[in-house]
Amino acid sequence: MSLYPVILSGGSGTRLWPMSRAALPKQLLPLAGDQTMVQDTLLRLRGLPDCGAPLVVCNNDHRFLIAEQMREIDVTPKAIFLEPVGRNTAPAAAVAALRLLADDPEAVMLLLPADHLIRDVPAFHATIAEGMQAVANGHLVTFGIVPDSPETGYGYIQRGELLGSGTARRVARFVEKPNREKAEAFLASGDYFWNSGMFLFRCAQFIDELKAFRPDMVAACEAALKTGGSDLDFCRLGKAEFEACPSDSIDYAVMERTTHAAVVPADIGWNDIGAWSALWDVGGKDAAGNVVRGDVDLIDVKNSLVRAESRMVAAIGVDNLVIVETPDAVLVADRSRAQDVKKVVDHLKARGRSEHEFHTRVYRPWGWYEGIDAGDRFQVKRIMVKPGEKLSLQMHHHRAEHWIVVSGTARVTCDDTVMMLSENQSTYIPLGSTHRLENPGKMPLHLIEVQSGSYLGEDDIVRFEDIYQRA
């Protein structure tokens, strides 16, 4: 049996605002180390026996970032599937299983969220090996995290009898997130695990079980695959067909109903990094219990997480705080209230603000742009275009633009004129002109863009041609 990792990268991580935002969620950020969380998820698969190329299921808006981050760590995916809408984990798993079965009838799928921290990789590999034995014996495997505290934020799995000579056990029952009293009782009994949301099963068996319990879901996923198509290096699902698919989790759709569910204990240094308090839990602490990252100066501070992204942060005489600084927002919260950060995101949405969705630096497939200044009828941006890349051929109805090259070489198209600009040279793009910016060189192109006009929103773009096939 060949093993195929399937990485689910659809979360938004709102409790990790202001770092995690809709356009750049937590799985695409280096929150717990130097690599992003999705990169860590992929890298820890190296060394697994008979492990094939990964299949990734992600949000359409994140497709270029996912592909770029995989290239950075030299991982070539089997496929990157783009969900037109979120439909929870069961449809995502069904799409992946159907795709894998088309190439390998004996395929085994290892389903992993992209945003989990696992500190003991050898133990993780050993746990997968235990799971493969259970799969070979006809079981659908979930991995139960060996608990070390009475957590109320996780679902639980009660273990049943042993299945064979390994550590796998029959699942007695799944339990929703308990209150504190129940969580303490679960921990004391030793019969319960945290539900990790990681799964291992033969694709054919999973689809058979899903057909038995949710045939409507399988039919919708089959239709979405049939009506979908390729887009550059991505696989698109049929939009209408996938939107018609019921939304459900793997637990509810299959694992709580099947008679073949097994749980393998996983003592692997796991954390789902669901809030800033979790990063404090797993972070390296100084003598006063502080977890610090960036340019930080602390005086008489204890038991706090302080993170500076763009400037120096100083704190004096505080205890048990979360302080997170980004170029356009600062979060200060009691560490015990870290779960409530989601409420800030809800408030931002309700007020029509953009800080819940975008950072000041916004990534695009060709590079990125960063807001520097803005006022009445003007906006200033810093733009970076990667070597060999180019923006769409486009025009604006409401703004003109001035471009000043800071470093690198720019090829500029403005109506019927094509020009080359180098460092310290500039050009003007009149309102309504058809234009394009390209980097023909070997080094990144950096320039300053000054926009002026009656409306400066990003939706004032009419694209005539785009190598990235964006609308």
Foldseek 3Di string as FASTA:
>chain_A
DAEEEEEEEEDQLLLAPPVGFALQHQQLDQLQHDARLLLVVVVLCPPQPNYDAYEYEYAPSCVLSVVVSCVVVPGDHPAYEHAPDDQAALLVLLLVLVVVCVPPVFYKYKYYYSQKDFDFSVLVSVLVVLVVVLQVVPFKEFEFELDDALDQPFKKWFFADDDPDGQKTFTPAIGHRDPSVVSVVCNVVSRMGTGRLIIMHGSVSLVVQLCVQPVQQSVLSVQQQVPWQDFVRHTYGNRVSSVPHHHDYCCVRGQRPDRRYMYGYGHGRMDSCSWVLVSLVPADADPQSEHEEDQEAEECEHNEYAYEDDDYYYDYNYYQWYWYDDPPDIDIDRSVCSSCSSVVLVVCVVVVHCSNHDGQWRADSQGIKGWDDDDQFKTKIKDKGAAFDKFFFKAFQWKKKKKAWQAAKKWKDWAPDTDIDGHGDMDIHDHPTGMMIHHNDNGMTIIMMMMGGNDDDPVRIDGDGGPSPDD
